[in-house]
Amino acid sequence: MEKLQFEFAAGQTAASRVVAGVVASGDLEVLLEPAAPGRTTIAVQTSVDGYGATWKALLERVFAAGALPAAAIEINDNGATPGVVRMRIEQAFEDAAQGGQP
């Protein structure tokens, strides 16, 4: 198990708390909670060691514009591909914008 921490610029506070995905073989879950405006923090717990640089590069692309809402995000990964990671993060923000409703 590896634990990673990241922080990125963000917009206003996310609208609600949400859970996207499920921890299972080759997948992950994203837990998103509203945070103070301007910053998003991300804590990643992954079953795959040695991919810190890959996580950093992927998350930098997702959060590059700083336009996503501010949130505290916890990602629990069980070997998901970068495409699944991005999809789950986007799903979490979309669900939060809808008030936590799927």
Protein backbone atom coordinates (compact mmCIF):
# COMPACT_ATOMS: atom_id res chain seq x y z
CA MET A 1 0.00 0.00 0.00
CA GLU A 2 1.19 3.48 -0.84
CA LYS A 3 -0.26 6.76 0.44
CA LEU A 4 0.15 9.95 -1.59
CA GLN A 5 -0.87 13.57 -0.93
CA PHE A 6 -1.54 16.32 -3.49
CA GLU A 7 -2.89 19.87 -3.46
CA PHE A 8 -4.19 21.99 -6.34
CA ALA A 9 -5.74 25.40 -6.96
CA ALA A 10 -9.54 25.32 -7.17
CA GLY A 11 -12.59 27.52 -7.55
CA GLN A 12 -15.49 27.94 -5.16
CA THR A 13 -16.59 25.26 -2.69
CA ALA A 14 -18.08 22.03 -4.08
CA ALA A 15 -21.84 21.85 -3.61
CA SER A 16 -22.12 18.57 -1.68
CA ARG A 17 -20.48 15.37 -0.48
CA VAL A 18 -20.44 12.35 -2.79
CA VAL A 19 -19.00 8.89 -3.28
CA ALA A 20 -18.22 7.73 -6.82
CA GLY A 21 -17.13 4.21 -7.70
CA VAL A 22 -16.32 1.20 -5.58
CA VAL A 23 -13.06 -0.37 -4.48
CA ALA A 24 -12.86 -3.66 -6.34
CA SER A 25 -10.40 -5.41 -8.60
CA GLY A 26 -9.08 -2.82 -11.05
CA ASP A 27 -11.30 0.02 -9.82
CA LEU A 28 -11.38 2.77 -7.22
CA GLU A 29 -13.66 4.99 -5.20
CA VAL A 30 -13.56 8.76 -4.92
CA LEU A 31 -14.87 10.36 -1.73
CA LEU A 32 -15.43 14.09 -2.22
CA GLU A 33 -16.28 16.64 0.49
CA PRO A 34 -16.68 20.41 0.09
CA ALA A 35 -13.66 22.43 1.24
CA ALA A 36 -12.77 26.10 1.68
CA PRO A 37 -12.64 27.99 -1.64
CA GLY A 38 -9.38 28.08 -3.56
CA ARG A 39 -7.77 24.70 -2.76
CA THR A 40 -8.41 21.03 -3.40
CA THR A 41 -6.53 18.42 -1.40
CA ILE A 42 -6.25 14.84 -2.54
CA ALA A 43 -5.23 11.83 -0.46
CA VAL A 44 -4.59 8.69 -2.51
CA GLN A 45 -4.31 5.24 -1.00
CA THR A 46 -3.31 2.75 -3.67
CA SER A 47 -2.56 -0.96 -3.71
CA VAL A 48 0.06 -0.37 -6.42
CA ASP A 49 3.41 0.91 -5.10
CA GLY A 50 5.85 3.05 -7.09
CA TYR A 51 3.41 5.04 -9.23
CA GLY A 52 3.61 8.38 -7.43
CA ALA A 53 4.92 10.17 -10.53
CA THR A 54 2.09 8.73 -12.63
CA TRP A 55 -0.52 9.86 -10.09
CA LYS A 56 1.05 13.32 -9.97
CA ALA A 57 1.04 13.69 -13.76
CA LEU A 58 -2.55 12.49 -14.08
CA LEU A 59 -3.89 14.72 -11.32
CA GLU A 60 -1.98 17.73 -12.65
CA ARG A 61 -3.79 17.27 -15.98
CA VAL A 62 -7.19 16.94 -14.29
CA PHE A 63 -6.71 20.00 -12.08
CA ALA A 64 -4.53 22.11 -14.43
CA ALA A 65 -7.05 24.88 -15.05
CA GLY A 66 -7.91 25.35 -11.36
CA ALA A 67 -11.55 25.71 -12.40
CA LEU A 68 -12.96 22.69 -10.53
CA PRO A 69 -14.71 23.34 -7.20
CA ALA A 70 -12.73 23.24 -3.97
CA ALA A 71 -12.89 19.85 -2.27
CA ALA A 72 -11.16 17.42 0.04
CA ILE A 73 -10.85 14.22 -1.96
CA GLU A 74 -9.92 10.75 -0.80
CA ILE A 75 -9.16 8.17 -3.47
CA ASN A 76 -9.00 4.49 -2.58
CA ASP A 77 -7.42 2.67 -5.51
CA ASN A 78 -7.19 -1.01 -6.32
CA GLY A 79 -5.18 -0.82 -9.55
CA ALA A 80 -7.43 1.37 -11.69
CA THR A 81 -6.17 2.65 -15.02
CA PRO A 82 -5.59 6.41 -15.49
CA GLY A 83 -8.74 6.62 -17.63
CA VAL A 84 -10.86 5.17 -14.83
CA VAL A 85 -9.26 7.52 -12.30
CA ARG A 86 -10.12 10.57 -14.40
CA MET A 87 -13.65 9.29 -15.07
CA ARG A 88 -14.35 8.73 -11.35
CA ILE A 89 -13.04 12.18 -10.39
CA GLU A 90 -15.18 13.82 -13.07
CA GLN A 91 -18.16 11.71 -11.98
CA ALA A 92 -17.69 12.84 -8.36
CA PHE A 93 -17.62 16.52 -9.33
CA GLU A 94 -20.68 16.09 -11.58
CA ASP A 95 -22.60 14.32 -8.81
CA ALA A 96 -21.61 17.01 -6.30
CA ALA A 97 -22.85 19.74 -8.67
CA GLN A 98 -26.21 17.93 -8.74
CA GLY A 99 -26.43 18.01 -4.96
CA GLY A 100 -25.11 14.50 -4.44
CA GLN A 101 -27.88 12.93 -6.51
CA PRO A 102 -26.77 10.28 -9.05
